[in-house]
């Protein structure tokens, strides 16, 4: 069943009107007609069965029918702090991290960031659209929050806000120990740019409470490391190891 994200305020009215790209997809790609059913979600945890009541050249009218219970959100609040990468690499990271259940993405610049520092507003807007589309595709009911681009010093302060804080660094760190007996509900994982973190940055993160960890003996591309870190955290503390529950 096709899924569409709509703002929560529209859901309150019970009647939704779709235009633009969503209308074209329903009408021209899926070729849905009046009476067809779709799933709509608000990106904040709500998911609903809905019916197409009218579809035309300029709009499609959707009526909310009933709530749908989904169990697709991880019990782990997982934040990915990821260094800005060249080109469209972070587009892919945001998409895959969303599919893996990340809660929050914190893009940042650091000493070895390759792109010129400047206005990242258009890229942040694109990442938010990518996250919404990936949430729809993967059956999620919550869209991850994508923050504005920060600098590394802001990322280093994240440790105090989470149960576990891991910075993955190819030049040092230990393999992760088996999961603790204590309940870990919130975790932040940080991965670096193409050139890696500097020694000073790793030391700064460790001083603020991050554990310096490794993703193994091979040097990973920046985008691979980010997705691997999310998957590893979800497997150890989240729901990646559990069976499907609908």
C-alpha atoms as a PDB file:
ATOM      1  CA  UNK A   1       0.000   0.000   0.000  1.00  0.00           C
ATOM      2  CA  UNK A   2       1.364   3.410  -0.934  1.00  0.00           C
ATOM      3  CA  UNK A   3       2.314   5.651   2.009  1.00  0.00           C
ATOM      4  CA  UNK A   4       2.121   9.440   2.099  1.00  0.00           C
ATOM      5  CA  UNK A   5       3.311  11.791   4.811  1.00  0.00           C
ATOM      6  CA  UNK A   6       0.963  14.679   5.654  1.00  0.00           C
ATOM      7  CA  UNK A   7       1.275  17.391   8.318  1.00  0.00           C
ATOM      8  CA  UNK A   8      -0.337  16.536  11.628  1.00  0.00           C
ATOM      9  CA  UNK A   9      -2.596  19.594  11.471  1.00  0.00           C
ATOM     10  CA  UNK A  10      -4.176  18.294   8.250  1.00  0.00           C
ATOM     11  CA  UNK A  11      -4.871  14.954   9.877  1.00  0.00           C
ATOM     12  CA  UNK A  12      -6.891  16.629  12.617  1.00  0.00           C
ATOM     13  CA  UNK A  13      -9.463  17.785  10.046  1.00  0.00           C
ATOM     14  CA  UNK A  14      -9.966  14.254   8.708  1.00  0.00           C
ATOM     15  CA  UNK A  15      -9.933  15.548   5.119  1.00  0.00           C
ATOM     16  CA  UNK A  16      -6.673  15.930   3.190  1.00  0.00           C
ATOM     17  CA  UNK A  17      -5.930  17.445  -0.202  1.00  0.00           C
ATOM     18  CA  UNK A  18      -2.764  16.375  -2.009  1.00  0.00           C
ATOM     19  CA  UNK A  19      -1.138  18.387  -4.789  1.00  0.00           C
ATOM     20  CA  UNK A  20       2.180  18.521  -6.611  1.00  0.00           C
ATOM     21  CA  UNK A  21       4.518  15.533  -6.637  1.00  0.00           C
ATOM     22  CA  UNK A  22       2.323  13.336  -4.420  1.00  0.00           C
ATOM     23  CA  UNK A  23      -0.707  13.934  -6.661  1.00  0.00           C
ATOM     24  CA  UNK A  24       1.298  13.111  -9.787  1.00  0.00           C
ATOM     25  CA  UNK A  25       2.627   9.927  -8.205  1.00  0.00           C
ATOM     26  CA  UNK A  26      -0.828   8.722  -7.169  1.00  0.00           C
ATOM     27  CA  UNK A  27      -2.460   9.649 -10.459  1.00  0.00           C
ATOM     28  CA  UNK A  28       0.226   9.082 -13.107  1.00  0.00           C
ATOM     29  CA  UNK A  29       2.519   6.425 -11.623  1.00  0.00           C
ATOM     30  CA  UNK A  30       0.248   4.342  -9.403  1.00  0.00           C
ATOM     31  CA  UNK A  31      -2.859   5.207 -11.477  1.00  0.00           C
ATOM     32  CA  UNK A  32      -5.069   5.200  -8.409  1.00  0.00           C
ATOM     33  CA  UNK A  33      -8.742   5.922  -8.824  1.00  0.00           C
ATOM     34  CA  UNK A  34     -11.529   7.091  -6.560  1.00  0.00           C
ATOM     35  CA  UNK A  35     -12.086   4.487  -3.830  1.00  0.00           C
ATOM     36  CA  UNK A  36      -8.446   3.344  -3.683  1.00  0.00           C
ATOM     37  CA  UNK A  37      -6.858   2.965  -0.247  1.00  0.00           C
ATOM     38  CA  UNK A  38      -3.519   4.408   0.847  1.00  0.00           C
ATOM     39  CA  UNK A  39      -1.715   4.780   4.157  1.00  0.00           C
ATOM     40  CA  UNK A  40      -0.945   8.227   5.499  1.00  0.00           C
ATOM     41  CA  UNK A  41       1.371   9.094   8.387  1.00  0.00           C
ATOM     42  CA  UNK A  42       2.257  12.318  10.156  1.00  0.00           C
ATOM     43  CA  UNK A  43       5.952  11.687  10.860  1.00  0.00           C
ATOM     44  CA  UNK A  44       5.306  11.980  14.599  1.00  0.00           C
ATOM     45  CA  UNK A  45       4.042   8.460  15.314  1.00  0.00           C
ATOM     46  CA  UNK A  46       0.554   8.432  13.755  1.00  0.00           C
ATOM     47  CA  UNK A  47      -0.361   6.153  10.849  1.00  0.00           C
ATOM     48  CA  UNK A  48      -3.809   5.809   9.261  1.00  0.00           C
ATOM     49  CA  UNK A  49      -5.751   4.003   6.575  1.00  0.00           C
ATOM     50  CA  UNK A  50      -7.252   6.497   4.132  1.00  0.00           C
ATOM     51  CA  UNK A  51      -9.390   6.478   0.990  1.00  0.00           C
ATOM     52  CA  UNK A  52      -9.044   8.490  -2.202  1.00  0.00           C
ATOM     53  CA  UNK A  53     -12.415  10.224  -2.511  1.00  0.00           C
ATOM     54  CA  UNK A  54     -11.563  12.297  -5.594  1.00  0.00           C
ATOM     55  CA  UNK A  55      -8.575  12.641  -7.903  1.00  0.00           C
ATOM     56  CA  UNK A  56      -8.212  15.077 -10.750  1.00  0.00           C
ATOM     57  CA  UNK A  57      -5.872  17.367 -12.650  1.00  0.00           C
ATOM     58  CA  UNK A  58      -5.049  19.688  -9.755  1.00  0.00           C
ATOM     59  CA  UNK A  59      -5.649  17.758  -6.530  1.00  0.00           C
ATOM     60  CA  UNK A  60      -6.537  14.487  -4.844  1.00  0.00           C
ATOM     61  CA  UNK A  61      -8.909  14.440  -1.884  1.00  0.00           C
ATOM     62  CA  UNK A  62      -8.183  11.900   0.835  1.00  0.00           C
ATOM     63  CA  UNK A  63     -10.476  10.861   3.703  1.00  0.00           C
ATOM     64  CA  UNK A  64      -9.044   9.353   6.888  1.00  0.00           C
ATOM     65  CA  UNK A  65     -10.708   6.035   7.755  1.00  0.00           C
ATOM     66  CA  UNK A  66      -8.985   4.454  10.772  1.00  0.00           C
ATOM     67  CA  UNK A  67      -5.743   4.268  12.702  1.00  0.00           C
ATOM     68  CA  UNK A  68      -3.094   1.679  11.818  1.00  0.00           C
ATOM     69  CA  UNK A  69      -0.883   0.194  14.511  1.00  0.00           C
ATOM     70  CA  UNK A  70       2.722  -0.121  13.392  1.00  0.00           C
ATOM     71  CA  UNK A  71       5.678  -1.346  15.417  1.00  0.00           C
ATOM     72  CA  UNK A  72       8.393  -0.089  13.146  1.00  0.00           C
ATOM     73  CA  UNK A  73      10.103   2.354  15.521  1.00  0.00           C
ATOM     74  CA  UNK A  74      13.142   1.310  17.507  1.00  0.00           C
ATOM     75  CA  UNK A  75      13.053   1.498  21.318  1.00  0.00           C
ATOM     76  CA  UNK A  76      16.498   3.103  21.043  1.00  0.00           C
ATOM     77  CA  UNK A  77      16.757   6.872  20.637  1.00  0.00           C
ATOM     78  CA  UNK A  78      19.669   6.946  18.206  1.00  0.00           C
ATOM     79  CA  UNK A  79      21.446  10.139  17.158  1.00  0.00           C
ATOM     80  CA  UNK A  80      23.893  10.137  14.254  1.00  0.00           C
ATOM     81  CA  UNK A  81      26.426  12.968  14.339  1.00  0.00           C
ATOM     82  CA  UNK A  82      27.933  12.869  10.852  1.00  0.00           C
ATOM     83  CA  UNK A  83      30.578  15.050   9.247  1.00  0.00           C
ATOM     84  CA  UNK A  84      29.692  16.876   6.032  1.00  0.00           C
ATOM     85  CA  UNK A  85      30.959  14.975   2.983  1.00  0.00           C
ATOM     86  CA  UNK A  86      31.570  15.938  -0.631  1.00  0.00           C
ATOM     87  CA  UNK A  87      28.802  15.944  -3.220  1.00  0.00           C
ATOM     88  CA  UNK A  88      25.683  13.919  -2.579  1.00  0.00           C
ATOM     89  CA  UNK A  89      27.254  11.392  -0.201  1.00  0.00           C
ATOM     90  CA  UNK A  90      25.301  12.640   2.790  1.00  0.00           C
ATOM     91  CA  UNK A  91      22.055  12.276   0.821  1.00  0.00           C
ATOM     92  CA  UNK A  92      22.701   8.533   0.783  1.00  0.00           C
ATOM     93  CA  UNK A  93      23.677   8.485   4.462  1.00  0.00           C
ATOM     94  CA  UNK A  94      20.471  10.270   5.511  1.00  0.00           C
ATOM     95  CA  UNK A  95      18.352   7.882   3.444  1.00  0.00           C
ATOM     96  CA  UNK A  96      19.985   4.720   4.783  1.00  0.00           C
ATOM     97  CA  UNK A  97      20.179   5.956   8.373  1.00  0.00           C
ATOM     98  CA  UNK A  98      16.451   6.718   8.236  1.00  0.00           C
ATOM     99  CA  UNK A  99      15.734   3.209   6.958  1.00  0.00           C
ATOM    100  CA  UNK A 100      17.776   1.825   9.860  1.00  0.00           C
ATOM    101  CA  UNK A 101      15.698   3.734  12.405  1.00  0.00           C
ATOM    102  CA  UNK A 102      17.855   6.711  13.370  1.00  0.00           C
ATOM    103  CA  UNK A 103      16.009   9.295  15.473  1.00  0.00           C
ATOM    104  CA  UNK A 104      18.114  12.375  14.909  1.00  0.00           C
ATOM    105  CA  UNK A 105      20.811  13.451  12.439  1.00  0.00           C
ATOM    106  CA  UNK A 106      23.359  16.099  13.421  1.00  0.00           C
ATOM    107  CA  UNK A 107      25.474  17.141  10.409  1.00  0.00           C
ATOM    108  CA  UNK A 108      28.641  19.021  11.321  1.00  0.00           C
ATOM    109  CA  UNK A 109      31.857  20.516   9.997  1.00  0.00           C
ATOM    110  CA  UNK A 110      35.265  19.862  11.471  1.00  0.00           C
ATOM    111  CA  UNK A 111      38.912  20.556  10.712  1.00  0.00           C
ATOM    112  CA  UNK A 112      39.148  18.216   7.723  1.00  0.00           C
ATOM    113  CA  UNK A 113      35.753  18.988   6.205  1.00  0.00           C
ATOM    114  CA  UNK A 114      36.308  19.205   2.441  1.00  0.00           C
ATOM    115  CA  UNK A 115      33.458  21.488   1.271  1.00  0.00           C
ATOM    116  CA  UNK A 116      33.841  25.184   1.926  1.00  0.00           C
ATOM    117  CA  UNK A 117      32.075  26.256   5.062  1.00  0.00           C
ATOM    118  CA  UNK A 118      29.079  28.386   4.215  1.00  0.00           C
ATOM    119  CA  UNK A 119      25.318  28.343   3.842  1.00  0.00           C
ATOM    120  CA  UNK A 120      24.083  24.747   4.012  1.00  0.00           C
ATOM    121  CA  UNK A 121      20.369  25.661   4.122  1.00  0.00           C
ATOM    122  CA  UNK A 122      19.493  24.129   0.745  1.00  0.00           C
ATOM    123  CA  UNK A 123      21.277  20.885   1.607  1.00  0.00           C
ATOM    124  CA  UNK A 124      19.524  20.626   4.970  1.00  0.00           C
ATOM    125  CA  UNK A 125      16.147  21.113   3.243  1.00  0.00           C
ATOM    126  CA  UNK A 126      17.022  18.353   0.784  1.00  0.00           C
ATOM    127  CA  UNK A 127      18.078  15.986   3.596  1.00  0.00           C
ATOM    128  CA  UNK A 128      14.741  16.581   5.329  1.00  0.00           C
ATOM    129  CA  UNK A 129      12.857  15.683   2.139  1.00  0.00           C
ATOM    130  CA  UNK A 130      15.016  12.580   1.702  1.00  0.00           C
ATOM    131  CA  UNK A 131      14.344  11.527   5.304  1.00  0.00           C
ATOM    132  CA  UNK A 132      10.580  11.930   4.833  1.00  0.00           C
ATOM    133  CA  UNK A 133      10.643   9.821   1.658  1.00  0.00           C
ATOM    134  CA  UNK A 134      12.808   7.151   3.306  1.00  0.00           C
ATOM    135  CA  UNK A 135      10.480   7.026   6.320  1.00  0.00           C
ATOM    136  CA  UNK A 136       7.511   6.475   3.997  1.00  0.00           C
ATOM    137  CA  UNK A 137       9.311   3.754   2.040  1.00  0.00           C
ATOM    138  CA  UNK A 138      10.562   1.886   5.110  1.00  0.00           C
ATOM    139  CA  UNK A 139       7.252   1.805   6.977  1.00  0.00           C
ATOM    140  CA  UNK A 140       8.276   4.187   9.729  1.00  0.00           C
ATOM    141  CA  UNK A 141       5.767   6.389  11.519  1.00  0.00           C
ATOM    142  CA  UNK A 142       8.310   8.959  12.748  1.00  0.00           C
ATOM    143  CA  UNK A 143      10.589  11.042  10.561  1.00  0.00           C
ATOM    144  CA  UNK A 144      14.026  11.668  12.059  1.00  0.00           C
ATOM    145  CA  UNK A 145      14.901  15.219  12.994  1.00  0.00           C
ATOM    146  CA  UNK A 146      17.576  16.727  10.748  1.00  0.00           C
ATOM    147  CA  UNK A 147      19.380  19.618  12.429  1.00  0.00           C
ATOM    148  CA  UNK A 148      21.089  22.590  10.874  1.00  0.00           C
ATOM    149  CA  UNK A 149      24.816  22.113  10.281  1.00  0.00           C
ATOM    150  CA  UNK A 150      26.855  22.686  13.455  1.00  0.00           C
ATOM    151  CA  UNK A 151      30.576  22.675  14.180  1.00  0.00           C
ATOM    152  CA  UNK A 152      32.485  19.940  15.953  1.00  0.00           C
ATOM    153  CA  UNK A 153      32.554  21.685  19.323  1.00  0.00           C
ATOM    154  CA  UNK A 154      28.744  21.433  19.471  1.00  0.00           C
ATOM    155  CA  UNK A 155      28.898  17.718  18.690  1.00  0.00           C
ATOM    156  CA  UNK A 156      31.425  17.101  21.462  1.00  0.00           C
ATOM    157  CA  UNK A 157      28.869  18.387  23.970  1.00  0.00           C
ATOM    158  CA  UNK A 158      26.343  15.690  23.018  1.00  0.00           C
ATOM    159  CA  UNK A 159      27.838  13.063  25.325  1.00  0.00           C
ATOM    160  CA  UNK A 160      26.142  14.379  28.463  1.00  0.00           C
ATOM    161  CA  UNK A 161      22.712  14.019  26.832  1.00  0.00           C
ATOM    162  CA  UNK A 162      22.873  10.271  26.137  1.00  0.00           C
ATOM    163  CA  UNK A 163      23.330   6.965  27.947  1.00  0.00           C
ATOM    164  CA  UNK A 164      26.160   6.010  25.571  1.00  0.00           C
ATOM    165  CA  UNK A 165      28.308   8.185  23.308  1.00  0.00           C
ATOM    166  CA  UNK A 166      30.632   6.676  20.707  1.00  0.00           C
ATOM    167  CA  UNK A 167      33.061   8.376  18.352  1.00  0.00           C
ATOM    168  CA  UNK A 168      34.367   6.056  15.667  1.00  0.00           C
ATOM    169  CA  UNK A 169      37.974   6.791  14.699  1.00  0.00           C
ATOM    170  CA  UNK A 170      40.117   4.793  12.304  1.00  0.00           C
ATOM    171  CA  UNK A 171      43.335   5.669  14.183  1.00  0.00           C
ATOM    172  CA  UNK A 172      42.421   4.268  17.562  1.00  0.00           C
ATOM    173  CA  UNK A 173      39.785   3.004  19.872  1.00  0.00           C
ATOM    174  CA  UNK A 174      38.660  -0.401  21.030  1.00  0.00           C
ATOM    175  CA  UNK A 175      36.110  -2.828  19.700  1.00  0.00           C
ATOM    176  CA  UNK A 176      32.751  -2.481  21.409  1.00  0.00           C
ATOM    177  CA  UNK A 177      32.248  -4.612  24.464  1.00  0.00           C
ATOM    178  CA  UNK A 178      29.150  -6.834  24.802  1.00  0.00           C
ATOM    179  CA  UNK A 179      25.984  -4.870  25.621  1.00  0.00           C
ATOM    180  CA  UNK A 180      25.762  -3.781  29.246  1.00  0.00           C
ATOM    181  CA  UNK A 181      23.195  -5.212  31.606  1.00  0.00           C
ATOM    182  CA  UNK A 182      21.934  -1.691  32.283  1.00  0.00           C
ATOM    183  CA  UNK A 183      19.238  -0.401  30.001  1.00  0.00           C
ATOM    184  CA  UNK A 184      20.600   1.837  27.227  1.00  0.00           C
ATOM    185  CA  UNK A 185      17.777   3.968  25.847  1.00  0.00           C
ATOM    186  CA  UNK A 186      19.668   6.810  24.189  1.00  0.00           C
ATOM    187  CA  UNK A 187      22.916   6.792  22.227  1.00  0.00           C
ATOM    188  CA  UNK A 188      24.882   9.140  19.968  1.00  0.00           C
ATOM    189  CA  UNK A 189      27.358   7.848  17.391  1.00  0.00           C
ATOM    190  CA  UNK A 190      29.771  10.234  15.657  1.00  0.00           C
ATOM    191  CA  UNK A 191      31.636   9.593  12.407  1.00  0.00           C
ATOM    192  CA  UNK A 192      34.137  11.813  10.657  1.00  0.00           C
ATOM    193  CA  UNK A 193      34.873  13.372   7.268  1.00  0.00           C
ATOM    194  CA  UNK A 194      36.823  11.905   4.337  1.00  0.00           C
ATOM    195  CA  UNK A 195      40.137  12.803   5.987  1.00  0.00           C
ATOM    196  CA  UNK A 196      39.097  11.496   9.395  1.00  0.00           C
ATOM    197  CA  UNK A 197      39.086  13.204  12.772  1.00  0.00           C
ATOM    198  CA  UNK A 198      42.266  14.865  13.991  1.00  0.00           C
ATOM    199  CA  UNK A 199      43.961  13.702  17.186  1.00  0.00           C
ATOM    200  CA  UNK A 200      42.869  16.937  18.853  1.00  0.00           C
ATOM    201  CA  UNK A 201      39.217  16.317  17.933  1.00  0.00           C
ATOM    202  CA  UNK A 202      39.331  12.741  19.198  1.00  0.00           C
ATOM    203  CA  UNK A 203      40.876  13.969  22.456  1.00  0.00           C
ATOM    204  CA  UNK A 204      38.245  16.713  22.790  1.00  0.00           C
ATOM    205  CA  UNK A 205      35.417  14.209  22.304  1.00  0.00           C
ATOM    206  CA  UNK A 206      36.936  11.784  24.803  1.00  0.00           C
ATOM    207  CA  UNK A 207      37.325  14.567  27.363  1.00  0.00           C
ATOM    208  CA  UNK A 208      33.607  15.387  27.122  1.00  0.00           C
ATOM    209  CA  UNK A 209      32.523  11.766  27.646  1.00  0.00           C
ATOM    210  CA  UNK A 210      32.704  10.007  24.279  1.00  0.00           C
ATOM    211  CA  UNK A 211      34.135   6.515  24.065  1.00  0.00           C
ATOM    212  CA  UNK A 212      36.586   6.221  21.166  1.00  0.00           C
ATOM    213  CA  UNK A 213      35.653   3.087  19.213  1.00  0.00           C
ATOM    214  CA  UNK A 214      36.636   1.284  16.049  1.00  0.00           C
ATOM    215  CA  UNK A 215      34.699  -0.173  13.140  1.00  0.00           C
ATOM    216  CA  UNK A 216      37.361  -2.797  12.474  1.00  0.00           C
ATOM    217  CA  UNK A 217      40.772  -3.085  10.868  1.00  0.00           C
ATOM    218  CA  UNK A 218      39.829  -1.687   7.449  1.00  0.00           C
ATOM    219  CA  UNK A 219      39.610   1.986   6.461  1.00  0.00           C
ATOM    220  CA  UNK A 220      36.003   2.723   5.540  1.00  0.00           C
ATOM    221  CA  UNK A 221      34.723   5.540   3.377  1.00  0.00           C
ATOM    222  CA  UNK A 222      33.059   8.286   5.412  1.00  0.00           C
ATOM    223  CA  UNK A 223      29.578   7.395   4.190  1.00  0.00           C
ATOM    224  CA  UNK A 224      30.123   3.673   4.820  1.00  0.00           C
ATOM    225  CA  UNK A 225      31.327   4.352   8.358  1.00  0.00           C
ATOM    226  CA  UNK A 226      28.233   6.438   9.172  1.00  0.00           C
ATOM    227  CA  UNK A 227      25.780   3.759   8.053  1.00  0.00           C
ATOM    228  CA  UNK A 228      27.831   0.969   9.656  1.00  0.00           C
ATOM    229  CA  UNK A 229      27.856   2.847  12.981  1.00  0.00           C
ATOM    230  CA  UNK A 230      24.070   3.241  12.926  1.00  0.00           C
ATOM    231  CA  UNK A 231      23.543  -0.429  12.048  1.00  0.00           C
ATOM    232  CA  UNK A 232      25.937  -1.563  14.776  1.00  0.00           C
ATOM    233  CA  UNK A 233      24.204   0.552  17.418  1.00  0.00           C
ATOM    234  CA  UNK A 234      20.759  -0.683  16.368  1.00  0.00           C
ATOM    235  CA  UNK A 235      21.940  -4.288  16.493  1.00  0.00           C
ATOM    236  CA  UNK A 236      23.507  -3.989  19.943  1.00  0.00           C
ATOM    237  CA  UNK A 237      21.024  -1.711  21.702  1.00  0.00           C
ATOM    238  CA  UNK A 238      18.040  -1.299  19.379  1.00  0.00           C
ATOM    239  CA  UNK A 239      15.798  -3.612  17.377  1.00  0.00           C
ATOM    240  CA  UNK A 240      17.871  -4.679  14.362  1.00  0.00           C
ATOM    241  CA  UNK A 241      18.294  -8.192  15.751  1.00  0.00           C
ATOM    242  CA  UNK A 242      14.610  -8.783  16.452  1.00  0.00           C
ATOM    243  CA  UNK A 243      12.079 -10.294  14.071  1.00  0.00           C
ATOM    244  CA  UNK A 244       9.523  -8.366  12.063  1.00  0.00           C
ATOM    245  CA  UNK A 245       6.429  -7.344  14.001  1.00  0.00           C
ATOM    246  CA  UNK A 246       4.449  -5.500  11.354  1.00  0.00           C
END
